[in-house]
Amino acid sequence: MNIALIGYGSMGRMVEVEARKRGHSIVTIVNENHSGLDASHLGESLRVADVAIDFTAAAAVIRNVEACMTANVPLVEGTTGWLGQLDDARELVLKSNGAFVFGSNFSIGVNLFYRIVEHATELLAKFPEYEVFIEEQHHSRKKDAPSGTALKVKEVISKHIETDISVVSTRAGHIPGTHRVGFDGPADQILLEHTARSREGFALGALMAAEWIVGKKGFFEFTAVMDEIITK
C-alpha cells in the first residue's frame, strides 16, 4: 500500500516506522514546509498514494480533507481538537463520494477501554448511588483540554447515565496520556484506567484504519474498524 503522510512530527515519523514494518511504502511526506499549500496544490501531491494519514493541526484539517477528496485519496484523520468542524468534513467527504475515517484516539487499547467503560456504565446505571467521573492527564504540550478521548468516553457513558459528568484535565510536564473513569459510591469506588506508554499503539491503529478504508466509500469513525475486527 502506498501511503501519503500529512504531517511529519513525532506521530508522522512513528507511522512511517510502523508502516514499513507492515510492508507499506511512504510515497509522499507533507511536512511543515508545505503548510502554505492550498487544497488544490496539496491534492496534486497526494494523487500517487492509495491512502493518506493526517497528524497535523486542527486548523489544517478541513484543507487536508478537501485536498484528499480532490485527489480521490481516502483519508485517515488522526489530528485532535478539530471535532467542532466535523459536520464540515462530513459534507466535503459525502459530496465528493470520498472515503474518510477519524478517531478521537487510534490506540487499540483505548478503543477497547471505550467498550469496557460502556459495559461497566451499563451495569452501574442500575445503582444510582454510584456517581461517575472522568479524569485525564497529558504532557504540557498537548493543546486541547479535555482531550478528544475524554470527550468520547463521556459520550459513551452518556448512553446509559443521564447526568452531568465531571471531567478534570491536567496538563503538566511529560505525563503520558492517562484516562480514568471512576464510579464513586458511599462505601467504595470502582476505578478504570488506561495509560499510553508510547505512540506505537496510535500509529498501529492509524495504519489498521488505512488498510481498512482503502476500497471503501463513506464517512466513518474508527469504532467501525474496531467493530469489524471484534466481530470476526
Protein backbone atom coordinates (compact mmCIF):
# COMPACT_ATOMS: atom_id res chain seq x y z
CA MET A 1 0.00 0.00 0.00
CA ASN A 2 1.32 3.46 -0.93
CA ILE A 3 0.82 5.94 1.91
CA ALA A 4 0.99 9.74 1.99
CA LEU A 5 1.88 11.23 5.36
CA ILE A 6 0.40 14.65 6.06
CA GLY A 7 2.42 15.96 8.98
CA TYR A 8 5.86 14.70 9.86
CA GLY A 9 6.16 15.37 13.55
CA SER A 10 6.51 12.71 16.24
CA MET A 11 3.38 10.85 15.16
CA GLY A 12 4.12 11.09 11.45
CA ARG A 13 7.58 9.61 11.96
CA MET A 14 6.19 6.81 14.12
CA VAL A 15 3.58 5.98 11.47
CA GLU A 16 6.39 5.80 8.91
CA VAL A 17 8.35 3.31 11.04
CA GLU A 18 5.33 1.10 11.69
CA ALA A 19 4.17 1.31 8.05
CA ARG A 20 7.49 -0.05 6.79
CA LYS A 21 7.30 -2.88 9.33
CA ARG A 22 3.93 -3.84 7.82
CA GLY A 23 5.34 -3.80 4.28
CA HIS A 24 3.86 -0.48 3.14
CA SER A 25 5.60 2.32 1.22
CA ILE A 26 5.65 6.01 2.10
CA VAL A 27 5.35 7.80 -1.25
CA THR A 28 4.67 11.39 -0.12
CA ILE A 29 5.52 13.34 3.02
CA VAL A 30 3.88 16.71 3.61
CA ASN A 31 5.77 18.47 6.39
CA GLU A 32 5.66 21.93 7.96
CA ASN A 33 7.38 23.39 4.88
CA HIS A 34 4.16 22.73 2.95
CA SER A 35 1.85 24.49 5.41
CA GLY A 36 1.15 27.27 2.92
CA LEU A 37 -0.15 24.94 0.21
CA ASP A 38 -3.79 25.34 -0.74
CA ALA A 39 -6.04 22.29 -1.10
CA SER A 40 -5.70 22.12 -4.88
CA HIS A 41 -1.89 22.07 -4.92
CA LEU A 42 -1.73 19.72 -1.94
CA GLY A 43 -4.15 17.38 -3.70
CA GLU A 44 -1.84 17.14 -6.70
CA SER A 45 0.99 15.86 -4.49
CA LEU A 46 -1.28 13.19 -2.97
CA ARG A 47 -2.51 11.51 -6.16
CA VAL A 48 0.30 8.92 -6.11
CA ALA A 49 -0.98 7.49 -2.82
CA ASP A 50 -3.55 4.80 -2.07
CA VAL A 51 -4.38 6.47 1.24
CA ALA A 52 -3.30 9.49 3.31
CA ILE A 53 -2.77 9.67 7.08
CA ASP A 54 -3.02 13.09 8.72
CA PHE A 55 -1.42 14.02 12.05
CA THR A 56 -1.12 17.81 11.83
CA ALA A 57 -3.03 20.65 13.49
CA ALA A 58 -6.75 21.29 13.90
CA ALA A 59 -6.57 24.42 11.72
CA ALA A 60 -5.32 22.35 8.76
CA VAL A 61 -7.85 19.51 8.89
CA ILE A 62 -10.51 20.92 6.53
CA ARG A 63 -7.85 21.86 3.96
CA ASN A 64 -6.43 18.35 4.18
CA VAL A 65 -9.86 16.77 3.79
CA GLU A 66 -10.56 18.92 0.75
CA ALA A 67 -7.16 18.05 -0.76
CA CYS A 68 -7.69 14.32 -0.32
CA MET A 69 -11.20 14.46 -1.75
CA THR A 70 -9.86 16.42 -4.74
CA ALA A 71 -7.19 13.74 -5.27
CA ASN A 72 -9.71 10.91 -4.71
CA VAL A 73 -7.50 9.57 -1.92
CA PRO A 74 -9.03 8.09 1.28
CA LEU A 75 -8.01 9.98 4.43
CA VAL A 76 -7.30 8.70 7.93
CA GLU A 77 -7.62 11.68 10.27
CA GLY A 78 -5.64 11.39 13.49
CA THR A 79 -5.39 15.08 14.42
CA THR A 80 -7.04 16.14 17.69
CA GLY A 81 -9.01 19.22 18.66
CA TRP A 82 -10.89 19.66 15.36
CA LEU A 83 -14.24 17.98 16.09
CA GLY A 84 -16.05 21.31 16.04
CA GLN A 85 -15.57 21.08 12.25
CA LEU A 86 -16.87 17.52 11.99
CA ASP A 87 -20.00 18.48 10.03
CA ASP A 88 -17.94 20.46 7.51
CA ALA A 89 -15.63 17.49 6.98
CA ARG A 90 -18.56 15.10 6.58
CA GLU A 91 -20.17 17.36 3.99
CA LEU A 92 -16.95 17.51 1.96
CA VAL A 93 -16.48 13.74 2.04
CA LEU A 94 -20.05 12.81 1.16
CA LYS A 95 -20.33 15.47 -1.55
CA SER A 96 -17.15 14.05 -3.15
CA ASN A 97 -18.24 10.41 -2.69
CA GLY A 98 -14.93 10.02 -0.89
CA ALA A 99 -13.61 7.92 1.96
CA PHE A 100 -12.69 9.16 5.43
CA VAL A 101 -12.11 7.61 8.83
CA PHE A 102 -11.40 9.56 12.01
CA GLY A 103 -10.83 8.72 15.63
CA SER A 104 -10.56 10.64 18.85
CA ASN A 105 -7.84 8.11 19.62
CA PHE A 106 -6.46 5.38 17.33
CA SER A 107 -4.94 3.36 20.17
CA ILE A 108 -6.25 -0.21 20.14
CA GLY A 109 -6.17 -0.22 23.94
CA VAL A 110 -8.17 2.98 24.21
CA ASN A 111 -10.81 1.65 21.85
CA LEU A 112 -11.11 -1.48 23.97
CA PHE A 113 -11.24 0.84 27.01
CA TYR A 114 -14.31 2.55 25.48
CA ARG A 115 -16.09 -0.80 25.37
CA ILE A 116 -15.07 -1.74 28.91
CA VAL A 117 -16.31 1.64 30.17
CA GLU A 118 -19.60 1.24 28.31
CA HIS A 119 -20.20 -2.21 29.77
CA ALA A 120 -19.33 -1.01 33.28
CA THR A 121 -21.59 2.02 32.88
CA GLU A 122 -24.48 -0.17 31.75
CA LEU A 123 -24.07 -2.24 34.92
CA LEU A 124 -23.57 0.72 37.27
CA ALA A 125 -26.54 2.59 35.83
CA LYS A 126 -28.71 0.19 37.82
CA PHE A 127 -27.17 1.54 41.05
CA PRO A 128 -27.72 5.34 41.15
CA GLU A 129 -25.80 5.70 44.41
CA TYR A 130 -22.61 5.41 42.32
CA GLU A 131 -21.62 8.73 40.72
CA VAL A 132 -19.35 8.73 37.68
CA PHE A 133 -16.36 10.98 36.99
CA ILE A 134 -13.65 11.26 34.32
CA GLU A 135 -10.02 12.32 34.83
CA GLU A 136 -7.44 12.76 32.07
CA GLN A 137 -3.78 13.75 32.19
CA HIS A 138 -1.31 14.64 29.42
CA HIS A 139 2.03 16.34 28.92
CA SER A 140 2.11 20.13 28.87
CA ARG A 141 2.49 20.28 25.05
CA LYS A 142 -0.98 18.92 24.42
CA LYS A 143 -3.18 21.84 23.44
CA ASP A 144 -6.78 20.61 23.67
CA ALA A 145 -8.47 20.05 27.02
CA PRO A 146 -10.47 17.99 27.71
CA SER A 147 -8.86 15.54 25.32
CA GLY A 148 -10.84 14.10 22.43
CA THR A 149 -10.56 10.73 24.16
CA ALA A 150 -12.12 12.08 27.35
CA LEU A 151 -14.97 13.60 25.34
CA LYS A 152 -15.52 10.25 23.60
CA VAL A 153 -15.55 8.48 26.97
CA LYS A 154 -18.15 10.99 28.17
CA GLU A 155 -20.23 10.28 25.07
CA VAL A 156 -20.05 6.53 25.75
CA ILE A 157 -21.08 6.96 29.39
CA SER A 158 -23.96 9.27 28.44
CA LYS A 159 -25.62 6.43 26.53
CA HIS A 160 -26.54 4.85 29.87
CA ILE A 161 -26.32 7.58 32.52
CA GLU A 162 -28.23 10.83 32.08
CA THR A 163 -26.42 13.13 34.46
CA ASP A 164 -23.80 15.84 34.40
CA ILE A 165 -20.40 14.12 34.30
CA SER A 166 -17.38 15.75 35.89
CA VAL A 167 -14.31 15.86 33.60
CA VAL A 168 -10.98 17.00 35.07
CA SER A 169 -7.97 17.72 32.81
CA THR A 170 -4.33 18.07 33.83
CA ARG A 171 -1.52 19.32 31.58
CA ALA A 172 1.96 19.14 33.09
CA GLY A 173 5.50 18.03 32.37
CA HIS A 174 5.86 14.77 30.46
CA ILE A 175 2.82 12.89 31.75
CA PRO A 176 1.85 10.07 29.36
CA GLY A 177 -1.74 10.08 28.13
CA THR A 178 -3.82 8.75 31.01
CA HIS A 179 -7.60 8.40 31.24
CA ARG A 180 -9.58 7.28 34.27
CA VAL A 181 -13.26 6.61 34.78
CA GLY A 182 -14.44 6.28 38.35
CA PHE A 183 -17.71 5.17 39.89
CA ASP A 184 -17.84 6.50 43.43
CA GLY A 185 -20.33 5.10 45.94
CA PRO A 186 -20.92 5.62 49.65
CA ALA A 187 -18.94 2.52 50.63
CA ASP A 188 -16.41 2.03 47.81
CA GLN A 189 -15.06 3.20 44.50
CA ILE A 190 -14.54 1.41 41.18
CA LEU A 191 -11.74 2.83 39.02
CA LEU A 192 -10.94 2.01 35.37
CA GLU A 193 -7.72 3.38 33.87
CA HIS A 194 -5.85 3.40 30.57
CA THR A 195 -2.27 4.71 30.28
CA ALA A 196 -0.40 5.07 26.99
CA ARG A 197 3.27 4.07 27.22
CA SER A 198 4.29 5.03 23.68
CA ARG A 199 3.00 6.34 20.36
CA GLU A 200 3.28 2.91 18.73
CA GLY A 201 -0.28 2.00 19.63
CA PHE A 202 -1.65 5.13 17.97
CA ALA A 203 0.44 4.54 14.83
CA LEU A 204 -0.68 0.91 14.59
CA GLY A 205 -4.33 1.88 14.89
CA ALA A 206 -3.99 4.56 12.22
CA LEU A 207 -2.40 2.02 9.87
CA MET A 208 -5.13 -0.51 10.55
CA ALA A 209 -7.66 2.19 9.69
CA ALA A 210 -5.74 2.97 6.48
CA GLU A 211 -5.71 -0.69 5.47
CA TRP A 212 -9.44 -0.89 6.19
CA ILE A 213 -10.59 2.28 4.38
CA VAL A 214 -8.92 1.57 1.02
CA GLY A 215 -11.61 0.49 -1.44
CA LYS A 216 -14.48 1.87 0.67
CA LYS A 217 -16.61 4.99 0.33
CA GLY A 218 -18.14 6.91 3.19
CA PHE A 219 -17.54 8.79 6.42
CA PHE A 220 -16.53 6.53 9.31
CA GLU A 221 -15.33 6.64 12.89
CA PHE A 222 -12.54 4.27 13.97
CA THR A 223 -15.06 2.41 16.11
CA ALA A 224 -16.40 0.91 12.84
CA VAL A 225 -12.97 -0.60 12.19
CA MET A 226 -12.81 -2.00 15.72
CA ASP A 227 -16.36 -3.39 15.45
CA GLU A 228 -15.37 -5.35 12.35
CA ILE A 229 -12.22 -6.72 14.00
CA ILE A 230 -14.01 -7.73 17.20
CA THR A 231 -16.91 -9.47 15.46
CA LYS A 232 -14.74 -11.55 13.09
